[in-house]
Amino acid sequence: MAICSVVSFGILVFFAKRHRNPRLRPRRGEVILVGIILFMGSGFFSHFTSELLSTDFDEERLKNNMRASQVRGLSDPTGSGVRRDRINDLRDSTNDLNGDLSTESPDEFIDSLED
């Protein structure tokens, strides 16, 4: 954080005194606005960098999680996360249900719902 703040302060001083003629230098409000943006950016960058350095990267735990998901069938190449035999069972059960319904007219549909 200190390094980012020093760099931001240096950029801010350079921006504030970038021209020899004082009339052509940026106004005080512009310098304050650029300073706020720089210090917010440096705070975000330092926080992001510290989070990257302090992550709990355990290679063995990741391998165990991957093996467990493969055993459960969650690594299906289609990305559905459901095993193919389970999908076939679901399709068969929905076909059995759809065969019993007769929906030729709205009245018959309403009667079938009331039954």
C-alpha atoms as a PDB file:
ATOM      1  CA  MET A   1       0.000   0.000   0.000  1.00  0.00           C
ATOM      2  CA  ALA A   2       2.835   2.361   0.843  1.00  0.00           C
ATOM      3  CA  ILE A   3       4.559   1.775  -2.485  1.00  0.00           C
ATOM      4  CA  CYS A   4       1.320   2.390  -4.395  1.00  0.00           C
ATOM      5  CA  SER A   5       0.683   5.564  -2.393  1.00  0.00           C
ATOM      6  CA  VAL A   6       4.185   6.922  -3.052  1.00  0.00           C
ATOM      7  CA  VAL A   7       3.843   6.234  -6.782  1.00  0.00           C
ATOM      8  CA  SER A   8       0.387   7.880  -6.826  1.00  0.00           C
ATOM      9  CA  PHE A   9       1.721  10.897  -4.931  1.00  0.00           C
ATOM     10  CA  GLY A  10       4.582  11.250  -7.430  1.00  0.00           C
ATOM     11  CA  ILE A  11       2.187  11.110 -10.368  1.00  0.00           C
ATOM     12  CA  LEU A  12      -0.061  13.670  -8.659  1.00  0.00           C
ATOM     13  CA  VAL A  13       2.829  16.115  -8.080  1.00  0.00           C
ATOM     14  CA  PHE A  14       3.930  15.692 -11.695  1.00  0.00           C
ATOM     15  CA  PHE A  15       0.364  16.349 -12.882  1.00  0.00           C
ATOM     16  CA  ALA A  16       0.010  19.432 -10.652  1.00  0.00           C
ATOM     17  CA  LYS A  17       3.291  21.029 -11.841  1.00  0.00           C
ATOM     18  CA  ARG A  18       3.463  19.786 -15.387  1.00  0.00           C
ATOM     19  CA  HIS A  19       3.807  23.205 -16.988  1.00  0.00           C
ATOM     20  CA  ARG A  20       6.314  25.995 -16.254  1.00  0.00           C
ATOM     21  CA  ASN A  21       3.754  28.726 -16.526  1.00  0.00           C
ATOM     22  CA  PRO A  22       1.486  28.716 -13.412  1.00  0.00           C
ATOM     23  CA  ARG A  23      -1.477  29.954 -15.469  1.00  0.00           C
ATOM     24  CA  LEU A  24      -1.398  26.825 -17.648  1.00  0.00           C
ATOM     25  CA  ARG A  25      -1.247  24.383 -14.754  1.00  0.00           C
ATOM     26  CA  PRO A  26      -4.361  22.384 -13.795  1.00  0.00           C
ATOM     27  CA  ARG A  27      -6.676  23.946 -11.235  1.00  0.00           C
ATOM     28  CA  ARG A  28      -6.852  22.826  -7.619  1.00  0.00           C
ATOM     29  CA  GLY A  29     -10.147  20.954  -8.154  1.00  0.00           C
ATOM     30  CA  GLU A  30      -8.715  19.010 -11.080  1.00  0.00           C
ATOM     31  CA  VAL A  31      -5.671  18.018  -9.030  1.00  0.00           C
ATOM     32  CA  ILE A  32      -7.892  16.879  -6.139  1.00  0.00           C
ATOM     33  CA  LEU A  33     -10.074  14.838  -8.505  1.00  0.00           C
ATOM     34  CA  VAL A  34      -7.047  13.162 -10.095  1.00  0.00           C
ATOM     35  CA  GLY A  35      -5.630  12.525  -6.613  1.00  0.00           C
ATOM     36  CA  ILE A  36      -8.839  10.836  -5.437  1.00  0.00           C
ATOM     37  CA  ILE A  37      -8.888   8.636  -8.538  1.00  0.00           C
ATOM     38  CA  LEU A  38      -5.202   7.730  -8.162  1.00  0.00           C
ATOM     39  CA  PHE A  39      -5.441   6.876  -4.465  1.00  0.00           C
ATOM     40  CA  MET A  40      -8.606   4.835  -4.951  1.00  0.00           C
ATOM     41  CA  GLY A  41      -6.914   2.949  -7.790  1.00  0.00           C
ATOM     42  CA  SER A  42      -3.786   2.347  -5.749  1.00  0.00           C
ATOM     43  CA  GLY A  43      -5.870   1.088  -2.813  1.00  0.00           C
ATOM     44  CA  PHE A  44      -7.746  -1.305  -5.082  1.00  0.00           C
ATOM     45  CA  PHE A  45      -4.523  -2.513  -6.717  1.00  0.00           C
ATOM     46  CA  SER A  46      -2.780  -3.111  -3.388  1.00  0.00           C
ATOM     47  CA  HIS A  47      -5.816  -4.940  -1.967  1.00  0.00           C
ATOM     48  CA  PHE A  48      -6.115  -7.098  -5.094  1.00  0.00           C
ATOM     49  CA  THR A  49      -2.389  -7.936  -4.988  1.00  0.00           C
ATOM     50  CA  SER A  50      -2.527  -8.845  -1.301  1.00  0.00           C
ATOM     51  CA  GLU A  51      -5.521 -11.136  -1.934  1.00  0.00           C
ATOM     52  CA  LEU A  52      -3.602 -12.902  -4.694  1.00  0.00           C
ATOM     53  CA  LEU A  53      -0.608 -13.425  -2.441  1.00  0.00           C
ATOM     54  CA  SER A  54      -2.613 -14.636   0.554  1.00  0.00           C
ATOM     55  CA  THR A  55      -4.868 -17.187  -1.172  1.00  0.00           C
ATOM     56  CA  ASP A  56      -4.959 -20.677   0.276  1.00  0.00           C
ATOM     57  CA  PHE A  57      -3.860 -22.621  -2.779  1.00  0.00           C
ATOM     58  CA  ASP A  58      -3.744 -26.250  -1.744  1.00  0.00           C
ATOM     59  CA  GLU A  59      -3.045 -28.426  -4.764  1.00  0.00           C
ATOM     60  CA  GLU A  60      -3.840 -31.678  -2.947  1.00  0.00           C
ATOM     61  CA  ARG A  61      -7.258 -30.397  -1.807  1.00  0.00           C
ATOM     62  CA  LEU A  62      -8.123 -29.327  -5.355  1.00  0.00           C
ATOM     63  CA  LYS A  63      -7.154 -32.757  -6.700  1.00  0.00           C
ATOM     64  CA  ASN A  64      -9.297 -34.480  -4.062  1.00  0.00           C
ATOM     65  CA  ASN A  65     -12.286 -32.279  -4.915  1.00  0.00           C
ATOM     66  CA  MET A  66     -11.850 -33.040  -8.609  1.00  0.00           C
ATOM     67  CA  ARG A  67     -11.694 -36.781  -7.995  1.00  0.00           C
ATOM     68  CA  ALA A  68     -14.779 -36.644  -5.786  1.00  0.00           C
ATOM     69  CA  SER A  69     -16.731 -34.742  -8.439  1.00  0.00           C
ATOM     70  CA  GLN A  70     -15.721 -37.293 -11.070  1.00  0.00           C
ATOM     71  CA  VAL A  71     -16.957 -40.107  -8.856  1.00  0.00           C
ATOM     72  CA  ARG A  72     -20.284 -38.332  -8.379  1.00  0.00           C
ATOM     73  CA  GLY A  73     -20.580 -37.815 -12.131  1.00  0.00           C
ATOM     74  CA  LEU A  74     -20.334 -34.043 -12.116  1.00  0.00           C
ATOM     75  CA  SER A  75     -17.666 -33.909 -14.789  1.00  0.00           C
ATOM     76  CA  ASP A  76     -20.032 -34.708 -17.657  1.00  0.00           C
ATOM     77  CA  PRO A  77     -18.597 -33.265 -20.885  1.00  0.00           C
ATOM     78  CA  THR A  78     -21.973 -31.806 -21.831  1.00  0.00           C
ATOM     79  CA  GLY A  79     -21.843 -29.678 -18.689  1.00  0.00           C
ATOM     80  CA  SER A  80     -25.180 -30.750 -17.283  1.00  0.00           C
ATOM     81  CA  GLY A  81     -23.753 -32.288 -14.121  1.00  0.00           C
ATOM     82  CA  VAL A  82     -26.168 -35.226 -14.316  1.00  0.00           C
ATOM     83  CA  ARG A  83     -25.192 -38.736 -15.292  1.00  0.00           C
ATOM     84  CA  ARG A  84     -26.385 -40.020 -18.657  1.00  0.00           C
ATOM     85  CA  ASP A  85     -28.132 -43.049 -17.158  1.00  0.00           C
ATOM     86  CA  ARG A  86     -30.085 -40.724 -14.848  1.00  0.00           C
ATOM     87  CA  ILE A  87     -31.140 -38.605 -17.836  1.00  0.00           C
ATOM     88  CA  ASN A  88     -32.402 -41.732 -19.619  1.00  0.00           C
ATOM     89  CA  ASP A  89     -34.382 -42.761 -16.515  1.00  0.00           C
ATOM     90  CA  LEU A  90     -35.947 -39.309 -16.326  1.00  0.00           C
ATOM     91  CA  ARG A  91     -36.909 -39.423 -19.996  1.00  0.00           C
ATOM     92  CA  ASP A  92     -38.525 -42.836 -19.596  1.00  0.00           C
ATOM     93  CA  SER A  93     -40.537 -41.728 -16.570  1.00  0.00           C
ATOM     94  CA  THR A  94     -41.823 -38.590 -18.315  1.00  0.00           C
ATOM     95  CA  ASN A  95     -42.905 -40.628 -21.346  1.00  0.00           C
ATOM     96  CA  ASP A  96     -44.973 -42.889 -19.088  1.00  0.00           C
ATOM     97  CA  LEU A  97     -46.753 -39.911 -17.575  1.00  0.00           C
ATOM     98  CA  ASN A  98     -47.472 -38.211 -20.880  1.00  0.00           C
ATOM     99  CA  GLY A  99     -49.065 -41.310 -22.401  1.00  0.00           C
ATOM    100  CA  ASP A 100     -51.985 -41.331 -19.955  1.00  0.00           C
ATOM    101  CA  LEU A 101     -53.125 -37.760 -20.543  1.00  0.00           C
ATOM    102  CA  SER A 102     -55.646 -37.061 -23.258  1.00  0.00           C
ATOM    103  CA  THR A 103     -55.760 -33.412 -24.222  1.00  0.00           C
ATOM    104  CA  GLU A 104     -57.838 -33.417 -27.351  1.00  0.00           C
ATOM    105  CA  SER A 105     -60.119 -30.592 -26.202  1.00  0.00           C
ATOM    106  CA  PRO A 106     -60.096 -28.059 -23.351  1.00  0.00           C
ATOM    107  CA  ASP A 107     -63.143 -29.653 -21.708  1.00  0.00           C
ATOM    108  CA  GLU A 108     -61.460 -33.046 -21.521  1.00  0.00           C
ATOM    109  CA  PHE A 109     -58.346 -31.377 -20.129  1.00  0.00           C
ATOM    110  CA  ILE A 110     -60.355 -29.667 -17.382  1.00  0.00           C
ATOM    111  CA  ASP A 111     -62.116 -32.959 -16.592  1.00  0.00           C
ATOM    112  CA  SER A 112     -58.769 -34.756 -16.346  1.00  0.00           C
ATOM    113  CA  LEU A 113     -57.540 -32.092 -13.917  1.00  0.00           C
ATOM    114  CA  GLU A 114     -60.642 -32.436 -11.752  1.00  0.00           C
ATOM    115  CA  ASP A 115     -60.187 -36.216 -11.565  1.00  0.00           C
END
